[in-house]
PDB file of N, CA and C in Angstrom:
ATOM      1  N   TYR A   1       1.447  -3.022 -18.245  1.00  0.00           N
ATOM      2  CA  TYR A   1       2.206  -2.984 -16.728  1.00  0.00           C
ATOM      3  C   TYR A   1       0.173  -2.324 -15.924  1.00  0.00           C
ATOM      4  N   ARG A   2      -0.158  -1.485 -16.065  1.00  0.00           N
ATOM      5  CA  ARG A   2      -0.813  -1.066 -15.677  1.00  0.00           C
ATOM      6  C   ARG A   2      -1.830  -1.809 -14.784  1.00  0.00           C
ATOM      7  N   TRP A   3      -2.514  -3.188 -15.261  1.00  0.00           N
ATOM      8  CA  TRP A   3      -3.041  -4.266 -14.478  1.00  0.00           C
ATOM      9  C   TRP A   3      -2.627  -4.369 -13.557  1.00  0.00           C
ATOM     10  N   MET A   4      -0.771  -4.952 -13.932  1.00  0.00           N
ATOM     11  CA  MET A   4      -0.157  -5.433 -12.637  1.00  0.00           C
ATOM     12  C   MET A   4       0.264  -4.316 -11.733  1.00  0.00           C
ATOM     13  N   LEU A   5      -0.249  -2.690 -11.810  1.00  0.00           N
ATOM     14  CA  LEU A   5       0.558  -2.009 -11.323  1.00  0.00           C
ATOM     15  C   LEU A   5      -1.237  -1.604  -9.784  1.00  0.00           C
ATOM     16  N   GLN A   6      -2.004  -2.695 -10.601  1.00  0.00           N
ATOM     17  CA  GLN A   6      -3.233  -1.693 -10.072  1.00  0.00           C
ATOM     18  C   GLN A   6      -3.474  -3.331  -8.949  1.00  0.00           C
ATOM     19  N   ARG A   7      -3.345  -4.588  -9.594  1.00  0.00           N
ATOM     20  CA  ARG A   7      -3.497  -6.180  -8.986  1.00  0.00           C
ATOM     21  C   ARG A   7      -1.746  -5.099  -7.694  1.00  0.00           C
ATOM     22  N   ALA A   8      -0.580  -5.394  -7.774  1.00  0.00           N
ATOM     23  CA  ALA A   8      -0.075  -5.474  -7.267  1.00  0.00           C
ATOM     24  C   ALA A   8      -0.740  -4.126  -5.767  1.00  0.00           C
ATOM     25  N   ILE A   9      -0.668  -3.313  -5.990  1.00  0.00           N
ATOM     26  CA  ILE A   9      -1.705  -2.228  -5.013  1.00  0.00           C
ATOM     27  C   ILE A   9      -3.170  -2.899  -4.027  1.00  0.00           C
ATOM     28  N   ASP A  10      -3.380  -4.462  -5.418  1.00  0.00           N
ATOM     29  CA  ASP A  10      -4.644  -4.609  -4.700  1.00  0.00           C
ATOM     30  C   ASP A  10      -4.087  -5.200  -3.702  1.00  0.00           C
ATOM     31  N   GLY A  11      -3.613  -6.433  -3.877  1.00  0.00           N
ATOM     32  CA  GLY A  11      -3.024  -7.010  -3.049  1.00  0.00           C
ATOM     33  C   GLY A  11      -1.938  -6.648  -1.128  1.00  0.00           C
ATOM     34  N   ILE A  12      -1.683  -5.593  -1.693  1.00  0.00           N
ATOM     35  CA  ILE A  12      -0.904  -4.872  -1.075  1.00  0.00           C
ATOM     36  C   ILE A  12      -2.333  -4.132   0.309  1.00  0.00           C
ATOM     37  N   TRP A  13      -3.001  -4.407  -0.290  1.00  0.00           N
ATOM     38  CA  TRP A  13      -4.377  -3.605   0.502  1.00  0.00           C
ATOM     39  C   TRP A  13      -4.741  -4.473   2.101  1.00  0.00           C
ATOM     40  N   GLU A  14      -5.425  -5.393   0.813  1.00  0.00           N
ATOM     41  CA  GLU A  14      -6.124  -7.068   0.919  1.00  0.00           C
ATOM     42  C   GLU A  14      -5.314  -6.539   2.348  1.00  0.00           C
ATOM     43  N   ASN A  15      -4.275  -6.492   2.907  1.00  0.00           N
ATOM     44  CA  ASN A  15      -3.251  -7.419   4.033  1.00  0.00           C
ATOM     45  C   ASN A  15      -2.812  -5.938   5.041  1.00  0.00           C
ATOM     46  N   ILE A  16      -2.964  -5.153   4.294  1.00  0.00           N
ATOM     47  CA  ILE A  16      -3.510  -3.978   5.032  1.00  0.00           C
ATOM     48  C   ILE A  16      -3.774  -4.216   6.310  1.00  0.00           C
ATOM     49  N   THR A  17      -3.384  -4.192   7.650  1.00  0.00           N
ATOM     50  CA  THR A  17      -3.678  -4.071   8.752  1.00  0.00           C
ATOM     51  C   THR A  17      -3.291  -2.965   9.777  1.00  0.00           C
ATOM     52  N   TRP A  18      -4.875  -2.927  10.299  1.00  0.00           N
ATOM     53  CA  TRP A  18      -5.839  -1.119  11.441  1.00  0.00           C
ATOM     54  C   TRP A  18      -4.941  -1.478  12.640  1.00  0.00           C
ATOM     55  N   LYS A  19      -4.117  -1.254  12.971  1.00  0.00           N
ATOM     56  CA  LYS A  19      -3.960  -0.748  14.463  1.00  0.00           C
ATOM     57  C   LYS A  19      -4.879   0.788  15.141  1.00  0.00           C
ATOM     58  N   GLU A  20      -5.111   0.656  16.241  1.00  0.00           N
ATOM     59  CA  GLU A  20      -5.878   1.705  16.293  1.00  0.00           C
ATOM     60  C   GLU A  20      -4.953   2.347  17.859  1.00  0.00           C
ATOM     61  N   LYS A  21      -5.441   3.928  17.070  1.00  0.00           N
ATOM     62  CA  LYS A  21      -4.438   4.683  18.340  1.00  0.00           C
ATOM     63  C   LYS A  21      -5.321   6.402  18.733  1.00  0.00           C
ATOM     64  N   VAL A  22      -4.959   6.480  19.452  1.00  0.00           N
ATOM     65  CA  VAL A  22      -5.379   7.298  20.839  1.00  0.00           C
ATOM     66  C   VAL A  22      -3.969   8.638  20.290  1.00  0.00           C
ATOM     67  N   ILE A  23      -4.240   9.490  19.941  1.00  0.00           N
ATOM     68  CA  ILE A  23      -3.542  10.991  19.813  1.00  0.00           C
ATOM     69  C   ILE A  23      -4.481  11.992  19.154  1.00  0.00           C
ATOM     70  N   LYS A  24      -4.740  13.190  20.463  1.00  0.00           N
ATOM     71  CA  LYS A  24      -5.634  13.766  20.594  1.00  0.00           C
ATOM     72  C   LYS A  24      -6.756  13.114  19.766  1.00  0.00           C
ATOM     73  N   ARG A  25      -7.267  12.078  19.452  1.00  0.00           N
ATOM     74  CA  ARG A  25      -8.477  11.185  19.497  1.00  0.00           C
ATOM     75  C   ARG A  25      -8.868  10.094  19.038  1.00  0.00           C
ATOM     76  N   ARG A  26      -9.908   8.873  17.872  1.00  0.00           N
ATOM     77  CA  ARG A  26      -9.444   7.361  18.613  1.00  0.00           C
ATOM     78  C   ARG A  26      -9.057   7.584  16.620  1.00  0.00           C
ATOM     79  N   ARG A  27      -8.057   7.346  15.956  1.00  0.00           N
ATOM     80  CA  ARG A  27      -7.674   7.017  15.031  1.00  0.00           C
ATOM     81  C   ARG A  27      -6.966   5.632  13.979  1.00  0.00           C
ATOM     82  N   LEU A  28      -7.602   5.259  13.502  1.00  0.00           N
ATOM     83  CA  LEU A  28      -6.552   3.847  12.816  1.00  0.00           C
ATOM     84  C   LEU A  28      -5.347   3.975  11.902  1.00  0.00           C
ATOM     85  N   ILE A  29      -4.494   3.200  12.382  1.00  0.00           N
ATOM     86  CA  ILE A  29      -3.573   4.222  11.662  1.00  0.00           C
ATOM     87  C   ILE A  29      -2.579   2.835  10.318  1.00  0.00           C
ATOM     88  N   PRO A  30      -2.954   2.851   9.029  1.00  0.00           N
ATOM     89  CA  PRO A  30      -2.919   1.498   8.305  1.00  0.00           C
ATOM     90  C   PRO A  30      -1.523   0.896   8.740  1.00  0.00           C
ATOM     91  N   ILE A  31      -1.083  -0.178   9.120  1.00  0.00           N
ATOM     92  CA  ILE A  31       0.373  -1.177   9.036  1.00  0.00           C
ATOM     93  C   ILE A  31       0.837  -1.479   7.155  1.00  0.00           C
ATOM     94  N   ILE A  32       1.403  -1.059   6.530  1.00  0.00           N
ATOM     95  CA  ILE A  32       1.480  -1.927   5.453  1.00  0.00           C
ATOM     96  C   ILE A  32       2.530  -2.846   5.659  1.00  0.00           C
ATOM     97  N   PRO A  33       2.031  -4.544   5.285  1.00  0.00           N
ATOM     98  CA  PRO A  33       2.611  -4.716   5.515  1.00  0.00           C
ATOM     99  C   PRO A  33       4.093  -5.470   4.140  1.00  0.00           C
ATOM    100  N   LYS A  34       5.845  -5.131   5.008  1.00  0.00           N
ATOM    101  CA  LYS A  34       6.760  -5.621   4.208  1.00  0.00           C
ATOM    102  C   LYS A  34       7.893  -6.380   4.251  1.00  0.00           C
ATOM    103  N   SER A  35       7.359  -7.762   4.500  1.00  0.00           N
ATOM    104  CA  SER A  35       8.206  -8.337   5.562  1.00  0.00           C
ATOM    105  C   SER A  35       8.478  -9.127   3.647  1.00  0.00           C
ATOM    106  N   ASN A  36       9.569  -9.794   3.748  1.00  0.00           N
ATOM    107  CA  ASN A  36      10.586 -10.904   2.364  1.00  0.00           C
ATOM    108  C   ASN A  36       9.623 -11.334   1.902  1.00  0.00           C
ATOM    109  N   GLU A  37       8.738 -12.315   2.895  1.00  0.00           N
ATOM    110  CA  GLU A  37       8.161 -13.127   2.041  1.00  0.00           C
ATOM    111  C   GLU A  37       7.041 -13.126   1.497  1.00  0.00           C
ATOM    112  N   PHE A  38       5.801 -11.447   2.496  1.00  0.00           N
ATOM    113  CA  PHE A  38       5.637 -11.342   1.054  1.00  0.00           C
ATOM    114  C   PHE A  38       5.402 -10.889   0.194  1.00  0.00           C
ATOM    115  N   LYS A  39       6.481  -9.890  -0.017  1.00  0.00           N
ATOM    116  CA  LYS A  39       7.015  -9.494  -0.585  1.00  0.00           C
ATOM    117  C   LYS A  39       7.368 -10.461  -2.210  1.00  0.00           C
ATOM    118  N   ARG A  40       7.841 -11.595  -1.537  1.00  0.00           N
ATOM    119  CA  ARG A  40       8.033 -12.828  -2.256  1.00  0.00           C
ATOM    120  C   ARG A  40       6.808 -13.892  -3.255  1.00  0.00           C
ATOM    121  N   ASN A  41       5.724 -13.963  -2.175  1.00  0.00           N
ATOM    122  CA  ASN A  41       4.331 -14.465  -2.132  1.00  0.00           C
ATOM    123  C   ASN A  41       3.873 -13.249  -2.772  1.00  0.00           C
ATOM    124  N   LEU A  42       4.225 -11.962  -3.168  1.00  0.00           N
ATOM    125  CA  LEU A  42       3.625 -10.991  -4.202  1.00  0.00           C
ATOM    126  C   LEU A  42       3.592 -11.308  -5.743  1.00  0.00           C
ATOM    127  N   ARG A  43       5.022 -11.516  -5.385  1.00  0.00           N
ATOM    128  CA  ARG A  43       5.887 -11.209  -6.945  1.00  0.00           C
ATOM    129  C   ARG A  43       5.349 -12.373  -8.147  1.00  0.00           C
ATOM    130  N   ASN A  44       5.741 -13.352  -7.194  1.00  0.00           N
ATOM    131  CA  ASN A  44       5.547 -14.357  -8.164  1.00  0.00           C
ATOM    132  C   ASN A  44       4.088 -14.941  -8.086  1.00  0.00           C
ATOM    133  N   SER A  45       2.954 -13.799  -7.558  1.00  0.00           N
ATOM    134  CA  SER A  45       1.514 -13.822  -8.338  1.00  0.00           C
ATOM    135  C   SER A  45       1.960 -13.141  -8.719  1.00  0.00           C
ATOM    136  N   LEU A  46       2.192 -12.443  -8.994  1.00  0.00           N
ATOM    137  CA  LEU A  46       1.487 -11.897  -9.615  1.00  0.00           C
ATOM    138  C   LEU A  46       3.012 -11.878 -11.534  1.00  0.00           C
ATOM    139  N   LEU A  47       3.602 -12.733 -10.934  1.00  0.00           N
ATOM    140  CA  LEU A  47       4.109 -13.481 -12.120  1.00  0.00           C
ATOM    141  C   LEU A  47       4.159 -14.389 -12.683  1.00  0.00           C
ATOM    142  N   ARG A  48       2.336 -14.649 -12.000  1.00  0.00           N
ATOM    143  CA  ARG A  48       2.331 -16.434 -13.751  1.00  0.00           C
ATOM    144  C   ARG A  48       0.847 -15.795 -14.115  1.00  0.00           C
ATOM    145  N   ASN A  49       0.929 -14.582 -13.795  1.00  0.00           N
ATOM    146  CA  ASN A  49       0.030 -13.676 -15.938  1.00  0.00           C
ATOM    147  C   ASN A  49       0.837 -13.224 -16.118  1.00  0.00           C
ATOM    148  N   TRP A  50       2.458 -12.903 -15.694  1.00  0.00           N
ATOM    149  CA  TRP A  50       2.549 -11.755 -17.021  1.00  0.00           C
ATOM    150  C   TRP A  50       3.886 -12.574 -18.039  1.00  0.00           C
ATOM    151  N   ASN A  51       3.686 -13.069 -19.084  1.00  0.00           N
ATOM    152  CA  ASN A  51       4.308 -13.043 -20.104  1.00  0.00           C
ATOM    153  C   ASN A  51       5.743 -12.019 -20.562  1.00  0.00           C
ATOM    154  N   PHE A  52       6.146 -10.949 -19.462  1.00  0.00           N
ATOM    155  CA  PHE A  52       7.404 -10.237 -20.231  1.00  0.00           C
ATOM    156  C   PHE A  52       8.885 -10.290 -19.211  1.00  0.00           C
ATOM    157  N   CYS A  53       8.955 -10.159 -19.671  1.00  0.00           N
ATOM    158  CA  CYS A  53      10.431 -10.256 -18.013  1.00  0.00           C
ATOM    159  C   CYS A  53      10.204  -8.953 -16.760  1.00  0.00           C
ATOM    160  N   ALA A  54      10.616 -10.200 -15.894  1.00  0.00           N
ATOM    161  CA  ALA A  54      10.729  -9.799 -14.153  1.00  0.00           C
ATOM    162  C   ALA A  54      10.950  -8.092 -13.703  1.00  0.00           C
ATOM    163  N   HIS A  55      11.804  -8.139 -14.292  1.00  0.00           N
ATOM    164  CA  HIS A  55      11.821  -6.772 -13.192  1.00  0.00           C
ATOM    165  C   HIS A  55      10.568  -5.913 -14.003  1.00  0.00           C
ATOM    166  N   TYR A  56       9.807  -6.218 -15.162  1.00  0.00           N
ATOM    167  CA  TYR A  56       8.812  -5.374 -15.148  1.00  0.00           C
ATOM    168  C   TYR A  56       7.178  -5.007 -13.022  1.00  0.00           C
ATOM    169  N   VAL A  57       7.452  -6.457 -13.192  1.00  0.00           N
ATOM    170  CA  VAL A  57       7.292  -6.663 -11.866  1.00  0.00           C
ATOM    171  C   VAL A  57       7.644  -6.632 -10.511  1.00  0.00           C
ATOM    172  N   ASP A  58       8.329  -6.088 -10.457  1.00  0.00           N
ATOM    173  CA  ASP A  58       9.565  -5.209  -8.827  1.00  0.00           C
ATOM    174  C   ASP A  58       9.599  -3.063  -8.985  1.00  0.00           C
ATOM    175  N   SER A  59       9.495  -3.222 -11.006  1.00  0.00           N
ATOM    176  CA  SER A  59       9.118  -2.147 -11.166  1.00  0.00           C
ATOM    177  C   SER A  59       7.351  -1.787 -10.434  1.00  0.00           C
ATOM    178  N   ALA A  60       6.200  -2.128 -10.985  1.00  0.00           N
ATOM    179  CA  ALA A  60       4.865  -2.562  -9.843  1.00  0.00           C
ATOM    180  C   ALA A  60       4.454  -2.894  -8.621  1.00  0.00           C
ATOM    181  N   ILE A  61       5.798  -3.790  -8.462  1.00  0.00           N
ATOM    182  CA  ILE A  61       5.428  -3.333  -6.759  1.00  0.00           C
ATOM    183  C   ILE A  61       5.945  -2.121  -5.880  1.00  0.00           C
ATOM    184  N   LYS A  62       7.262  -2.027  -7.124  1.00  0.00           N
ATOM    185  CA  LYS A  62       8.110  -0.770  -6.269  1.00  0.00           C
ATOM    186  C   LYS A  62       7.202   0.616  -5.732  1.00  0.00           C
ATOM    187  N   GLN A  63       6.546   0.730  -6.781  1.00  0.00           N
ATOM    188  CA  GLN A  63       5.491   1.395  -7.396  1.00  0.00           C
ATOM    189  C   GLN A  63       3.971   1.733  -6.205  1.00  0.00           C
ATOM    190  N   ALA A  64       4.176   0.383  -6.215  1.00  0.00           N
ATOM    191  CA  ALA A  64       2.985  -0.080  -5.166  1.00  0.00           C
ATOM    192  C   ALA A  64       2.637   0.424  -4.363  1.00  0.00           C
ATOM    193  N   TYR A  65       4.464  -0.138  -3.569  1.00  0.00           N
ATOM    194  CA  TYR A  65       4.422   0.328  -2.149  1.00  0.00           C
ATOM    195  C   TYR A  65       4.354   1.815  -2.232  1.00  0.00           C
ATOM    196  N   SER A  66       5.221   3.102  -2.991  1.00  0.00           N
ATOM    197  CA  SER A  66       5.172   4.390  -2.628  1.00  0.00           C
ATOM    198  C   SER A  66       4.252   5.313  -3.109  1.00  0.00           C
ATOM    199  N   ILE A  67       2.919   4.721  -3.779  1.00  0.00           N
ATOM    200  CA  ILE A  67       1.528   5.142  -3.434  1.00  0.00           C
ATOM    201  C   ILE A  67       0.689   4.674  -1.974  1.00  0.00           C
ATOM    202  N   LEU A  68       1.374   4.023  -1.934  1.00  0.00           N
ATOM    203  CA  LEU A  68       0.670   3.587  -1.081  1.00  0.00           C
ATOM    204  C   LEU A  68       1.273   4.135   0.390  1.00  0.00           C
ATOM    205  N   LYS A  69       2.276   4.311   0.230  1.00  0.00           N
ATOM    206  CA  LYS A  69       3.660   4.798   2.091  1.00  0.00           C
ATOM    207  C   LYS A  69       3.546   6.598   1.805  1.00  0.00           C
ATOM    208  N   SER A  70       2.481   6.731   0.061  1.00  0.00           N
ATOM    209  CA  SER A  70       2.519   8.519   0.311  1.00  0.00           C
ATOM    210  C   SER A  70       0.731   8.307   0.385  1.00  0.00           C
ATOM    211  N   TRP A  71      -0.476   7.367   0.143  1.00  0.00           N
ATOM    212  CA  TRP A  71      -1.157   7.474   1.127  1.00  0.00           C
ATOM    213  C   TRP A  71      -1.636   6.866   2.178  1.00  0.00           C
ATOM    214  N   ARG A  72      -0.818   6.778   3.467  1.00  0.00           N
ATOM    215  CA  ARG A  72      -0.305   6.662   4.442  1.00  0.00           C
ATOM    216  C   ARG A  72      -0.179   7.865   4.424  1.00  0.00           C
ATOM    217  N   ARG A  73       0.442   9.088   4.443  1.00  0.00           N
ATOM    218  CA  ARG A  73       1.136  10.088   4.680  1.00  0.00           C
ATOM    219  C   ARG A  73      -0.050  10.581   4.762  1.00  0.00           C
ATOM    220  N   ASN A  74      -0.812  11.405   4.331  1.00  0.00           N
ATOM    221  CA  ASN A  74      -2.149  11.751   4.606  1.00  0.00           C
ATOM    222  C   ASN A  74      -3.010  11.368   4.773  1.00  0.00           C
ATOM    223  N   PHE A  75      -3.777  10.002   5.136  1.00  0.00           N
ATOM    224  CA  PHE A  75      -4.667   9.393   6.051  1.00  0.00           C
ATOM    225  C   PHE A  75      -4.950  10.118   7.306  1.00  0.00           C
ATOM    226  N   GLY A  76      -6.171  10.357   6.858  1.00  0.00           N
ATOM    227  CA  GLY A  76      -6.329  10.921   8.987  1.00  0.00           C
ATOM    228  C   GLY A  76      -5.852  12.655   8.737  1.00  0.00           C
ATOM    229  N   TRP A  77      -5.489  12.965   8.297  1.00  0.00           N
ATOM    230  CA  TRP A  77      -5.229  14.159   8.739  1.00  0.00           C
ATOM    231  C   TRP A  77      -5.943  15.407   7.142  1.00  0.00           C
ATOM    232  N   LYS A  78      -6.828  14.910   6.587  1.00  0.00           N
ATOM    233  CA  LYS A  78      -7.528  16.287   5.975  1.00  0.00           C
ATOM    234  C   LYS A  78      -8.607  16.773   6.905  1.00  0.00           C
ATOM    235  N   LYS A  79      -9.560  15.700   7.854  1.00  0.00           N
ATOM    236  CA  LYS A  79     -10.314  16.212   9.298  1.00  0.00           C
ATOM    237  C   LYS A  79      -9.226  17.126   9.369  1.00  0.00           C
ATOM    238  N   ASP A  80      -8.279  16.935  10.649  1.00  0.00           N
ATOM    239  CA  ASP A  80      -7.518  17.974  10.730  1.00  0.00           C
ATOM    240  C   ASP A  80      -7.131  19.247  10.279  1.00  0.00           C
ATOM    241  N   LYS A  81      -7.324  18.608   9.966  1.00  0.00           N
ATOM    242  CA  LYS A  81      -6.697  20.890   8.865  1.00  0.00           C
ATOM    243  C   LYS A  81      -7.666  21.314   8.291  1.00  0.00           C
ATOM    244  N   ASN A  82      -9.285  20.566   8.117  1.00  0.00           N
ATOM    245  CA  ASN A  82     -10.327  21.613   7.431  1.00  0.00           C
ATOM    246  C   ASN A  82     -10.875  21.952   9.803  1.00  0.00           C
ATOM    247  N   GLU A  83     -11.104  21.605  10.320  1.00  0.00           N
ATOM    248  CA  GLU A  83     -10.782  22.418  11.468  1.00  0.00           C
ATOM    249  C   GLU A  83     -10.461  23.307  12.365  1.00  0.00           C
ATOM    250  N   ALA A  84      -8.997  23.219  11.874  1.00  0.00           N
ATOM    251  CA  ALA A  84      -8.011  23.921  12.077  1.00  0.00           C
ATOM    252  C   ALA A  84      -8.368  25.407  12.018  1.00  0.00           C
ATOM    253  N   CYS A  85      -9.717  25.185  10.034  1.00  0.00           N
ATOM    254  CA  CYS A  85      -9.373  25.733   9.565  1.00  0.00           C
ATOM    255  C   CYS A  85     -10.880  26.754  10.021  1.00  0.00           C
ATOM    256  N   ARG A  86     -11.042  26.435  10.971  1.00  0.00           N
ATOM    257  CA  ARG A  86     -12.773  26.406  10.878  1.00  0.00           C
ATOM    258  C   ARG A  86     -12.989  27.793  12.454  1.00  0.00           C
TER     259      ARG A  86
END
């Protein structure tokens, strides 16, 4: 399962697009792909190498999105917090 979760994270990570935005300073905002077609292709590619039930694949994809969504919320804020402390 961990192998499949890592493959799901890698698949999503490779398809992240970066949008440049100016909020107090120049920042890169990651845009995570959420289209149904992308999710279907990711699921099918993971199922090719998986011999067990498909709900494990669905669970790994859902967890991968949750991990990357959490990372996206925290991305770019570390520098601001350190600058405010000085």
